[in-house]
Amino acid sequence: MTLLKTLIATLVLLPALAYASEDGLALDKAPDRSTDVSALQNGAKLFVNYCLNCHSASAMRYNRLRDIGLNEEQIKDNLLFTGEKVGDLMKTTMLPQDAKAWFGAVPPDLSVIARAKASEAGSGPDWIYTYLRSYYKDDSRPTGWNNLVFPNVGMPHVLWELQGIRTAKFADEKDSHDESRSIHKFVGFEQVKPGKMSELEYDNAVADLVGYLQWMGEPAQNTRKRLGVWVLLFLGGFLVLIWRLNASFWKEVK
């Protein structure tokens, strides 16, 4: 069974990993914003404004955002736009049949996307962080956009106004393992039109959004980690106590 699972995982990841090895693309390490409340709040704002139009997060309620420091008034004033209530689930108003007609498939639910995208290539946040920073203009695609991490993706570049418009540059190189074969290798981006943000500002905004997606996949993760430290300390102290009691017991027996 273990061998079968490994084989299936390998087949699923093969296209992405092959693309990465040929084009020199590797997942960038996503900054850890899981404990930065201001970053999580900004990530929640970006999620509602740019992601929730097409994607749902049906395992998350708006009122859970109180865990990252937002009160109900702030949630109502800044994150509710179409008559939702604070206790409602974070669902899109886009109809599934419309989404399939426009994009070819219904956009996935993003409740646990940061956990679902984890693989041998990197963590889920690493994948999303690299993905959102790897879009480029491609007029051959129906949406006008393509992506290095997810080639021929059906999702358009929803953050293009922030990042601006870029094209990707490729070069054909000889395969070092087979000189008769050429590799179409990615060599860099070219900024065609500037966005509302600089490159650094955009990377920070994406990091905030990824941090929010990571937090949304398990809102209690920080509490779990804090409790875990105390549990380990307790078990460590208990182990020392048992060890000394055991030594004392056998000392009397001898």
Protein backbone atom coordinates (compact mmCIF):
# COMPACT_ATOMS: atom_id res chain seq x y z
CA MET A 1 0.00 0.00 0.00
CA THR A 2 2.87 2.38 0.84
CA LEU A 3 4.53 1.68 -2.51
CA LEU A 4 1.25 2.34 -4.33
CA LYS A 5 0.76 5.68 -2.56
CA THR A 6 4.33 6.69 -3.40
CA LEU A 7 3.83 5.79 -7.06
CA ILE A 8 0.58 7.78 -7.27
CA ALA A 9 2.18 10.82 -5.61
CA THR A 10 5.12 10.63 -8.02
CA LEU A 11 2.85 10.51 -11.07
CA VAL A 12 0.82 13.48 -9.83
CA LEU A 13 3.92 15.60 -9.19
CA LEU A 14 5.87 14.52 -12.26
CA PRO A 15 4.74 17.30 -14.66
CA ALA A 16 5.42 20.08 -12.17
CA LEU A 17 8.77 18.66 -11.07
CA ALA A 18 9.87 18.00 -14.66
CA TYR A 19 9.01 21.58 -15.59
CA ALA A 20 10.92 22.86 -12.59
CA SER A 21 14.02 20.82 -13.42
CA GLU A 22 14.05 21.80 -17.11
CA ASP A 23 13.37 25.49 -16.60
CA GLY A 24 15.38 25.86 -13.43
CA LEU A 25 12.28 26.84 -11.47
CA ALA A 26 12.18 26.06 -7.78
CA LEU A 27 9.65 27.03 -5.14
CA ASP A 28 10.56 30.13 -3.17
CA LYS A 29 10.36 29.99 0.60
CA ALA A 30 7.27 31.83 1.79
CA PRO A 31 7.86 34.25 4.69
CA ASP A 32 6.21 33.07 7.90
CA ARG A 33 3.43 35.54 8.76
CA SER A 34 1.37 33.10 10.86
CA THR A 35 1.88 35.08 14.09
CA ASP A 36 1.90 38.59 12.58
CA VAL A 37 -1.60 39.93 13.30
CA SER A 38 -1.30 43.01 11.06
CA ALA A 39 -0.06 40.84 8.17
CA LEU A 40 -2.93 38.39 8.66
CA GLN A 41 -5.44 41.26 8.65
CA ASN A 42 -3.99 42.61 5.41
CA GLY A 43 -4.04 39.09 3.99
CA ALA A 44 -7.72 38.76 4.91
CA LYS A 45 -8.47 42.04 3.12
CA LEU A 46 -6.63 40.87 -0.01
CA PHE A 47 -8.41 37.52 0.12
CA VAL A 48 -11.88 39.08 0.30
CA ASN A 49 -11.13 41.66 -2.40
CA TYR A 50 -9.30 39.49 -4.92
CA CYS A 51 -9.98 35.80 -4.20
CA LEU A 52 -13.50 35.56 -2.82
CA ASN A 53 -15.01 36.78 -6.08
CA CYS A 54 -14.43 33.34 -7.62
CA HIS A 55 -13.24 31.06 -4.82
CA SER A 56 -15.12 30.08 -1.68
CA ALA A 57 -13.73 29.30 1.75
CA SER A 58 -16.75 27.34 2.91
CA ALA A 59 -15.07 26.02 6.07
CA MET A 60 -14.48 29.56 7.39
CA ARG A 61 -16.90 32.06 8.90
CA TYR A 62 -16.33 35.81 8.86
CA ASN A 63 -16.66 36.01 12.65
CA ARG A 64 -13.60 33.79 13.03
CA LEU A 65 -11.56 36.78 11.89
CA ARG A 66 -11.93 38.04 15.45
CA ASP A 67 -9.09 35.62 16.22
CA ILE A 68 -6.72 37.87 14.25
CA GLY A 69 -7.77 41.04 16.04
CA LEU A 70 -10.73 42.28 14.00
CA ASN A 71 -13.97 43.22 15.75
CA GLU A 72 -17.44 42.81 14.25
CA GLU A 73 -17.67 46.46 13.18
CA GLN A 74 -14.38 46.24 11.31
CA ILE A 75 -15.51 43.03 9.61
CA LYS A 76 -18.84 44.58 8.59
CA ASP A 77 -17.32 47.84 7.35
CA ASN A 78 -14.32 46.44 5.50
CA LEU A 79 -14.99 42.83 4.51
CA LEU A 80 -18.72 42.44 3.87
CA PHE A 81 -19.94 43.86 0.56
CA THR A 82 -23.00 41.90 -0.66
CA GLY A 83 -25.27 41.66 2.35
CA GLU A 84 -23.53 38.84 4.20
CA LYS A 85 -23.72 38.59 7.98
CA VAL A 86 -20.74 38.30 10.29
CA GLY A 87 -21.66 34.73 11.16
CA ASP A 88 -21.96 33.61 7.52
CA LEU A 89 -19.59 31.26 5.74
CA MET A 90 -17.13 32.83 3.31
CA LYS A 91 -18.77 31.79 0.04
CA THR A 92 -18.58 33.25 -3.44
CA THR A 93 -21.67 34.48 -5.22
CA MET A 94 -20.46 33.09 -8.54
CA LEU A 95 -22.64 30.26 -9.82
CA PRO A 96 -20.78 26.97 -10.53
CA GLN A 97 -22.18 26.74 -14.06
CA ASP A 98 -20.97 30.26 -14.85
CA ALA A 99 -17.53 29.52 -13.42
CA LYS A 100 -17.21 26.39 -15.53
CA ALA A 101 -18.27 28.25 -18.66
CA TRP A 102 -15.80 31.10 -18.07
CA PHE A 103 -12.78 29.21 -16.75
CA GLY A 104 -13.32 25.64 -17.92
CA ALA A 105 -13.62 24.37 -14.34
CA VAL A 106 -15.16 25.48 -11.07
CA PRO A 107 -12.52 27.33 -8.99
CA PRO A 108 -11.54 25.20 -5.97
CA ASP A 109 -12.50 25.99 -2.41
CA LEU A 110 -9.55 27.65 -0.66
CA SER A 111 -10.33 26.71 2.96
CA VAL A 112 -7.37 24.33 3.23
CA ILE A 113 -5.48 25.15 0.01
CA ALA A 114 -2.28 25.98 1.92
CA ARG A 115 -2.24 22.45 3.32
CA ALA A 116 -3.45 20.72 0.15
CA LYS A 117 -0.60 22.08 -1.99
CA ALA A 118 2.17 20.64 0.19
CA SER A 119 4.41 18.14 -1.60
CA GLU A 120 7.99 16.92 -1.84
CA ALA A 121 8.75 20.07 -3.82
CA GLY A 122 7.90 22.32 -0.86
CA SER A 123 5.21 23.38 1.57
CA GLY A 124 1.76 24.56 0.54
CA PRO A 125 2.56 28.20 1.41
CA ASP A 126 5.78 27.95 -0.64
CA TRP A 127 3.78 26.74 -3.66
CA ILE A 128 1.16 29.51 -3.42
CA TYR A 129 3.78 32.21 -2.75
CA THR A 130 5.77 31.20 -5.84
CA TYR A 131 2.63 30.68 -7.95
CA LEU A 132 1.21 34.17 -7.31
CA ARG A 133 4.58 35.71 -8.22
CA SER A 134 5.07 33.67 -11.43
CA TYR A 135 2.35 35.01 -13.72
CA TYR A 136 3.29 36.46 -17.11
CA LYS A 137 1.44 37.82 -20.15
CA ASP A 138 0.70 35.19 -22.77
CA ASP A 139 -1.66 36.19 -25.59
CA SER A 140 -1.95 32.57 -26.73
CA ARG A 141 -3.93 31.69 -23.61
CA PRO A 142 -7.72 32.34 -23.36
CA THR A 143 -7.25 34.53 -20.27
CA GLY A 144 -4.19 36.29 -21.68
CA TRP A 145 -2.04 34.97 -18.82
CA ASN A 146 0.20 31.99 -18.11
CA ASN A 147 2.14 30.79 -15.08
CA LEU A 148 5.52 29.13 -14.58
CA VAL A 149 4.44 27.05 -11.58
CA PHE A 150 1.14 25.97 -13.15
CA PRO A 151 1.61 26.05 -16.94
CA ASN A 152 -1.53 26.80 -18.98
CA VAL A 153 -3.50 27.56 -15.83
CA GLY A 154 -7.14 28.54 -16.34
CA MET A 155 -7.07 31.19 -13.61
CA PRO A 156 -6.28 34.74 -14.79
CA HIS A 157 -3.81 36.95 -12.96
CA VAL A 158 -6.21 38.63 -10.54
CA LEU A 159 -3.44 40.65 -8.89
CA TRP A 160 -2.07 42.09 -12.14
CA GLU A 161 -3.04 45.66 -11.25
CA LEU A 162 -0.84 45.41 -8.17
CA GLN A 163 2.10 43.67 -9.84
CA GLY A 164 1.82 45.17 -13.30
CA ILE A 165 2.25 43.33 -16.60
CA ARG A 166 5.27 41.12 -17.21
CA THR A 167 6.39 38.87 -20.02
CA ALA A 168 8.56 35.80 -19.62
CA LYS A 169 11.82 35.30 -21.52
CA PHE A 170 12.84 31.81 -22.61
CA ALA A 171 15.92 30.45 -24.34
CA ASP A 172 16.61 27.14 -26.06
CA GLU A 173 19.65 25.38 -24.65
CA LYS A 174 21.26 22.04 -25.33
CA ASP A 175 20.42 19.33 -22.85
CA SER A 176 23.60 18.46 -20.94
CA HIS A 177 22.49 14.82 -20.85
CA ASP A 178 21.45 14.60 -24.51
CA GLU A 179 23.02 17.01 -27.01
CA SER A 180 20.43 16.15 -29.65
CA ARG A 181 17.71 17.53 -27.39
CA SER A 182 17.01 21.19 -26.63
CA ILE A 183 15.48 22.56 -23.45
CA HIS A 184 13.11 25.54 -23.46
CA LYS A 185 14.52 27.26 -20.39
CA PHE A 186 13.05 30.21 -18.49
CA VAL A 187 15.64 32.98 -18.12
CA GLY A 188 13.70 35.82 -16.51
CA PHE A 189 10.80 38.27 -16.52
CA GLU A 190 10.54 41.59 -18.32
CA GLN A 191 8.35 44.30 -16.81
CA VAL A 192 6.16 45.73 -19.57
CA LYS A 193 3.87 47.92 -17.47
CA PRO A 194 4.39 48.90 -13.82
CA GLY A 195 1.76 48.05 -11.25
CA LYS A 196 0.43 49.95 -8.28
CA MET A 197 3.09 48.32 -6.11
CA SER A 198 6.83 47.97 -6.38
CA GLU A 199 8.28 44.46 -6.61
CA LEU A 200 9.07 44.44 -2.87
CA GLU A 201 5.63 45.76 -1.93
CA TYR A 202 3.96 43.14 -4.12
CA ASP A 203 6.03 40.31 -2.63
CA ASN A 204 5.08 41.50 0.86
CA ALA A 205 1.39 41.67 -0.09
CA VAL A 206 1.52 38.12 -1.49
CA ALA A 207 3.29 36.97 1.68
CA ASP A 208 0.46 38.47 3.76
CA LEU A 209 -2.15 36.75 1.59
CA VAL A 210 -0.33 33.42 1.83
CA GLY A 211 -0.01 33.85 5.59
CA TYR A 212 -3.76 34.34 5.83
CA LEU A 213 -4.44 31.26 3.68
CA GLN A 214 -2.11 29.27 5.93
CA TRP A 215 -3.87 30.55 9.06
CA MET A 216 -7.31 29.89 7.54
CA GLY A 217 -6.40 26.23 6.96
CA GLU A 218 -6.07 25.83 10.72
CA PRO A 219 -7.08 28.92 12.74
CA ALA A 220 -6.15 27.21 16.02
CA GLN A 221 -2.60 26.37 14.91
CA ASN A 222 -0.89 29.03 17.04
CA THR A 223 -2.84 27.93 20.13
CA ARG A 224 -1.95 24.31 19.35
CA LYS A 225 1.74 25.18 19.10
CA ARG A 226 1.72 27.11 22.39
CA LEU A 227 -0.07 24.29 24.19
CA GLY A 228 2.33 21.81 22.60
CA VAL A 229 5.30 23.53 24.24
CA TRP A 230 3.68 23.31 27.69
CA VAL A 231 2.71 19.66 27.13
CA LEU A 232 6.29 18.77 26.19
CA LEU A 233 7.63 20.62 29.24
CA PHE A 234 5.16 18.79 31.47
CA LEU A 235 6.05 15.41 29.97
CA GLY A 236 9.75 16.20 30.31
CA GLY A 237 9.35 17.07 34.00
CA PHE A 238 7.16 14.02 34.56
CA LEU A 239 9.80 11.82 32.89
CA VAL A 240 12.51 13.14 35.22
CA LEU A 241 10.25 12.50 38.23
CA ILE A 242 9.54 8.91 37.13
CA TRP A 243 13.21 8.31 36.47
CA ARG A 244 14.20 9.44 39.98
CA LEU A 245 11.34 7.46 41.60
CA ASN A 246 12.42 4.37 39.68
CA ALA A 247 16.02 4.83 40.80
CA SER A 248 14.90 5.29 44.41
CA PHE A 249 12.67 2.18 44.28
CA TRP A 250 15.37 -0.12 42.94
CA LYS A 251 17.89 1.31 45.39
CA GLU A 252 15.71 0.12 48.28
CA VAL A 253 15.19 -3.29 46.66
CA LYS A 254 18.90 -3.84 46.25
